[in-house]
Protein backbone atom coordinates (compact mmCIF):
# COMPACT_ATOMS: atom_id res chain seq x y z
CA MET A 1 139.45 117.26 151.81
CA GLN A 2 143.02 118.39 152.96
CA PRO A 3 142.90 121.53 155.43
CA ALA A 4 144.44 124.38 153.98
CA SER A 5 146.74 125.89 156.65
CA TYR A 6 146.05 129.63 157.27
CA GLU A 7 149.01 130.72 155.60
CA GLN A 8 147.56 128.97 152.39
CA LEU A 9 143.94 130.49 152.95
CA SER A 10 145.89 133.92 153.29
CA LEU A 11 147.58 133.95 150.36
CA LYS A 12 144.72 132.37 148.04
CA VAL A 13 142.32 135.76 149.63
CA ALA A 14 145.12 137.46 148.86
CA HIS A 15 145.64 136.61 145.24
CA ALA A 16 141.67 137.23 144.73
CA ILE A 17 142.05 140.62 145.90
CA VAL A 18 144.98 141.49 143.54
CA GLU A 19 143.16 139.37 140.49
CA GLN A 20 139.95 142.10 141.06
CA ILE A 21 142.22 144.81 140.99
CA ARG A 22 143.96 143.53 137.83
CA ILE A 23 140.30 142.83 136.23
CA LYS A 24 139.20 146.62 136.97
CA PRO A 25 141.74 148.63 138.01
CA ASN A 26 138.89 151.34 139.73
CA CYS A 27 137.34 148.26 141.98
CA CYS A 28 135.42 148.77 145.18
CA LEU A 29 136.45 146.67 147.59
CA GLY A 30 134.80 145.53 151.24
CA LEU A 31 137.48 145.13 153.93
CA PRO A 32 136.68 143.62 157.57
CA THR A 33 138.92 143.71 160.42
CA GLY A 34 140.20 141.73 162.57
CA ASN A 35 142.66 138.18 163.38
CA THR A 36 141.31 136.34 160.48
CA PRO A 37 142.13 139.37 157.52
CA LEU A 38 145.18 139.81 159.24
CA LEU A 39 147.73 137.59 157.50
CA THR A 40 146.11 138.32 154.14
CA TYR A 41 146.63 142.43 154.83
CA HIS A 42 150.47 141.83 155.47
CA ILE A 43 150.94 139.58 152.44
CA LEU A 44 149.46 142.30 150.26
CA ALA A 45 150.96 144.94 152.38
CA ASN A 46 154.65 143.20 151.50
CA TRP A 47 153.29 142.38 147.83
CA SER A 48 152.91 146.39 147.51
CA SER A 49 155.66 147.71 149.07
CA GLY A 50 158.19 145.68 148.02
CA GLN A 51 159.21 144.56 151.50
CA GLY A 52 159.05 142.00 153.65
CA GLN A 53 158.74 137.97 154.12
CA TYR A 54 156.42 137.49 150.94
CA ALA A 55 157.79 139.97 148.47
CA ASP A 56 159.78 137.72 146.53
CA SER A 57 160.35 137.37 142.99
CA ASP A 58 157.00 135.90 142.33
CA ALA A 59 154.76 138.56 144.40
CA PRO A 60 152.55 140.26 141.92
CA ALA A 61 152.66 143.79 141.06
CA ILE A 62 149.93 145.93 142.90
CA ASP A 63 148.62 149.70 142.14
CA TRP A 64 146.14 150.31 144.23
CA SER A 65 146.04 154.28 143.03
CA GLN A 66 142.25 153.97 141.72
CA VAL A 67 141.17 151.54 144.22
CA LEU A 68 138.13 152.81 146.60
CA CYS A 69 138.06 150.70 149.94
CA PHE A 70 134.91 150.81 152.23
CA ALA A 71 135.83 149.15 155.35
CA LEU A 72 132.37 147.01 156.85
CA ASP A 73 132.18 148.43 160.33
CA ASP A 74 133.72 150.46 163.25
CA TYR A 75 133.20 151.57 166.53
CA PHE A 76 131.91 154.56 168.05
CA ASN A 77 133.80 156.91 170.51
CA VAL A 78 137.10 155.17 170.91
CA ASP A 79 140.52 156.05 170.77
CA LYS A 80 141.64 156.25 167.54
CA GLN A 81 144.32 153.48 168.67
CA HIS A 82 141.42 150.99 168.77
CA THR A 83 139.13 151.90 165.44
CA PHE A 84 139.13 149.81 162.59
CA GLU A 85 140.19 152.76 160.52
CA ALA A 86 143.35 152.58 162.24
CA PHE A 87 143.80 148.83 162.01
CA LEU A 88 143.09 148.70 158.11
CA GLU A 89 145.93 151.82 157.90
CA LYS A 90 148.30 149.98 160.18
CA HIS A 91 147.86 146.78 158.43
CA LEU A 92 147.39 147.63 154.92
CA TYR A 93 147.02 151.50 153.83
CA SER A 94 149.96 152.53 154.31
CA HIS A 95 152.11 150.07 153.08
CA THR A 96 150.14 151.27 149.48
CA ASN A 97 149.95 153.68 147.29
CA LEU A 98 145.95 154.00 147.91
CA PRO A 99 145.19 157.23 147.77
CA LEU A 100 143.72 158.62 151.19
CA ASP A 101 140.51 160.20 150.35
CA ASN A 102 139.62 156.42 148.77
CA ARG A 103 139.95 154.78 152.67
CA LEU A 104 136.64 154.90 153.03
CA ASN A 105 135.03 154.40 156.52
CA PRO A 106 131.28 154.41 158.12
CA CYS A 107 132.08 156.64 160.48
CA LEU A 108 133.74 159.11 158.81
CA THR A 109 131.70 159.28 155.65
CA GLU A 110 128.55 160.83 155.35
CA ASP A 111 125.84 158.76 153.00
CA TYR A 112 128.00 155.43 152.98
CA ASP A 113 125.71 153.40 150.82
CA LEU A 114 124.99 156.00 148.82
CA LEU A 115 128.38 156.46 147.97
CA ILE A 116 128.93 152.53 147.21
CA GLU A 117 125.98 152.89 144.52
CA SER A 118 127.30 155.89 142.55
CA CYS A 119 130.90 154.11 142.68
CA GLY A 120 129.16 151.31 141.06
CA GLY A 121 128.37 148.91 144.06
CA LEU A 122 130.72 146.78 145.71
CA ASP A 123 132.91 144.50 143.57
CA LEU A 124 134.56 142.08 145.86
CA THR A 125 133.97 142.25 149.75
CA ILE A 126 135.57 139.95 151.80
CA LEU A 127 133.94 138.89 154.91
CA GLY A 128 134.40 136.78 158.04
CA ILE A 129 131.82 135.18 160.41
CA GLY A 130 131.67 135.62 164.16
CA SER A 131 130.88 132.91 167.08
CA ASN A 132 127.14 133.66 166.67
CA GLY A 133 126.64 134.11 162.79
CA HIS A 134 127.45 137.96 162.95
CA ILE A 135 129.08 139.42 159.63
CA ALA A 136 130.61 142.61 159.77
CA PHE A 137 128.30 144.15 162.90
CA ASN A 138 124.83 142.92 161.68
CA GLU A 139 124.30 140.49 164.58
CA PRO A 140 121.47 137.97 164.69
CA GLY A 141 118.21 139.28 164.12
CA THR A 142 119.20 142.19 161.72
CA MET A 143 116.70 142.81 158.99
CA ALA A 144 118.11 141.76 155.23
CA LEU A 145 116.84 144.98 153.55
CA SER A 146 119.63 147.01 156.20
CA PHE A 147 121.68 149.60 155.01
CA THR A 148 124.77 151.42 157.35
CA HIS A 149 123.37 151.83 160.48
CA CYS A 150 124.41 151.71 163.76
CA THR A 151 123.75 148.77 166.26
CA TRP A 152 124.40 147.35 169.86
CA LEU A 153 127.11 144.53 169.75
CA SER A 154 126.37 141.38 171.37
CA GLU A 155 128.00 139.82 174.22
CA SER A 156 129.84 137.30 172.26
CA THR A 157 130.96 139.87 169.78
CA ARG A 158 132.19 141.86 172.48
CA ILE A 159 133.69 139.40 174.28
CA ALA A 160 135.45 138.01 170.98
CA ASN A 161 136.66 141.42 170.97
CA GLN A 162 137.78 142.52 174.07
CA LYS A 163 141.57 141.50 173.83
CA ALA A 164 142.11 144.95 172.04
CA PHE A 165 140.50 146.73 175.04
CA GLY A 166 141.90 144.80 177.89
CA SER A 167 139.04 143.86 179.50
CA LEU A 168 135.22 143.33 178.52
CA LYS A 169 134.10 146.50 180.57
CA SER A 170 136.21 148.51 178.26
CA THR A 171 134.64 147.06 175.21
CA PRO A 172 132.28 149.21 173.42
CA HIS A 173 128.60 148.50 173.07
CA THR A 174 127.56 149.49 169.90
CA GLY A 175 129.32 150.21 166.48
CA ILE A 176 128.36 151.31 162.93
CA THR A 177 127.98 148.51 160.16
CA MET A 178 127.57 148.54 156.50
CA GLY A 179 124.07 146.78 156.29
CA LEU A 180 123.17 143.19 154.61
CA GLN A 181 121.51 145.14 151.65
CA THR A 182 124.90 146.56 150.80
CA ILE A 183 127.37 143.63 151.54
CA PHE A 184 124.62 140.97 149.57
CA ALA A 185 124.81 143.79 147.03
CA SER A 186 128.74 142.72 146.17
CA ALA A 187 129.56 141.39 142.84
CA ARG A 188 131.00 138.53 144.37
CA ILE A 189 131.72 137.83 148.34
CA ILE A 190 134.21 135.34 150.09
CA LEU A 191 133.73 134.82 153.21
CA MET A 192 136.94 133.61 155.20
CA ALA A 193 136.82 131.58 158.42
CA SER A 194 139.97 130.03 160.82
CA SER A 195 140.31 127.71 163.47
CA GLU A 196 138.26 124.81 164.41
CA ALA A 197 136.31 127.10 166.98
CA LYS A 198 134.77 128.32 164.21
CA ARG A 199 133.46 125.23 162.19
CA THR A 200 130.31 124.78 164.00
CA ILE A 201 128.92 128.04 163.15
CA VAL A 202 129.99 127.83 159.88
CA GLU A 203 128.31 124.36 159.23
CA GLN A 204 125.33 126.11 161.01
CA ALA A 205 125.81 129.26 158.22
CA PHE A 206 126.17 127.04 154.87
CA ASP A 207 124.58 123.45 155.57
CA GLY A 208 121.56 124.57 157.57
CA PRO A 209 118.38 126.69 156.34
CA VAL A 210 118.51 130.14 155.42
CA THR A 211 117.49 132.28 158.51
CA LEU A 212 118.34 136.11 159.45
CA ASP A 213 119.00 134.52 163.24
CA LEU A 214 121.85 133.73 161.62
CA PRO A 215 123.10 136.29 159.37
CA ALA A 216 125.98 134.77 157.11
CA SER A 217 123.54 131.93 155.93
CA LEU A 218 122.23 134.18 153.78
CA LEU A 219 125.39 134.08 152.00
CA GLN A 220 123.61 130.73 150.21
CA THR A 221 121.32 133.14 148.26
CA HIS A 222 124.03 134.97 146.56
CA SER A 223 124.99 134.52 143.04
CA HIS A 224 128.77 134.66 143.45
CA ALA A 225 129.78 133.63 147.16
CA ASP A 226 132.91 131.49 148.32
CA VAL A 227 133.35 130.05 151.96
CA TRP A 228 136.82 129.44 152.37
CA THR A 229 138.37 128.05 155.40
CA ASP A 230 141.74 126.22 156.89
CA PHE A 231 139.84 123.38 158.50
CA GLY A 232 138.33 121.62 155.37
CA TYR A 233 135.68 123.39 154.74
CA GLU A 234 135.06 124.78 151.58
CA LYS A 235 131.73 125.86 149.52
CA SER A 236 130.16 128.14 146.92
CA PHE A 237 126.65 129.49 145.96
CA ARG A 238 125.66 130.65 142.66
CA HIS A 239 122.32 131.33 143.34
CA ARG A 240 120.52 132.66 140.10
CA ILE A 241 118.48 135.26 140.58
């Protein structure tokens, strides 16, 4: 398979999000942070604001006024600038007409899972994958039936995130995350992975056995999950429940 570029991967995910909003204007989205979805958010921001590199005549119109966006995870007790709430605000929300009350975060919202359930559940969740197979802050060994919870972060997760904090010592040891039960209840999931460095863990997760030691591998049991990368690996799961 001819590998897609990172830009092509990001455009593909952006179009999937736009299509979900078109089909269901009041949809619920589960959104990650980090380097992998950054260009996807930049593209969506350009399309939404009508400004920037991707805001050309072919850019789709996006109305965020009824959308509910749920951040997958965040840190505890860090400066505002280092929160995932601030990341999403800077790179996506502030460029859209998404209402302030529709920008949900597990640190700021009580009964996160109950709120998601009361809205009908997540319609589309975008995931990344950590070097140890974690999704959101669900580290290896997390229970499949877990809901939103506080968690200790593995050293590999902290190493991957230390750039934002200047050093490993300053990188938080704990976070809060949407649990696997809530994530996998999403009607559709797209996991995006970028760079050859992720190839090994992606192949282990989606060509190997399903195991809680590799949380991302649970996607193999999902009814509508897609794995999209920029290094020539692509897979779809349509497990019949």
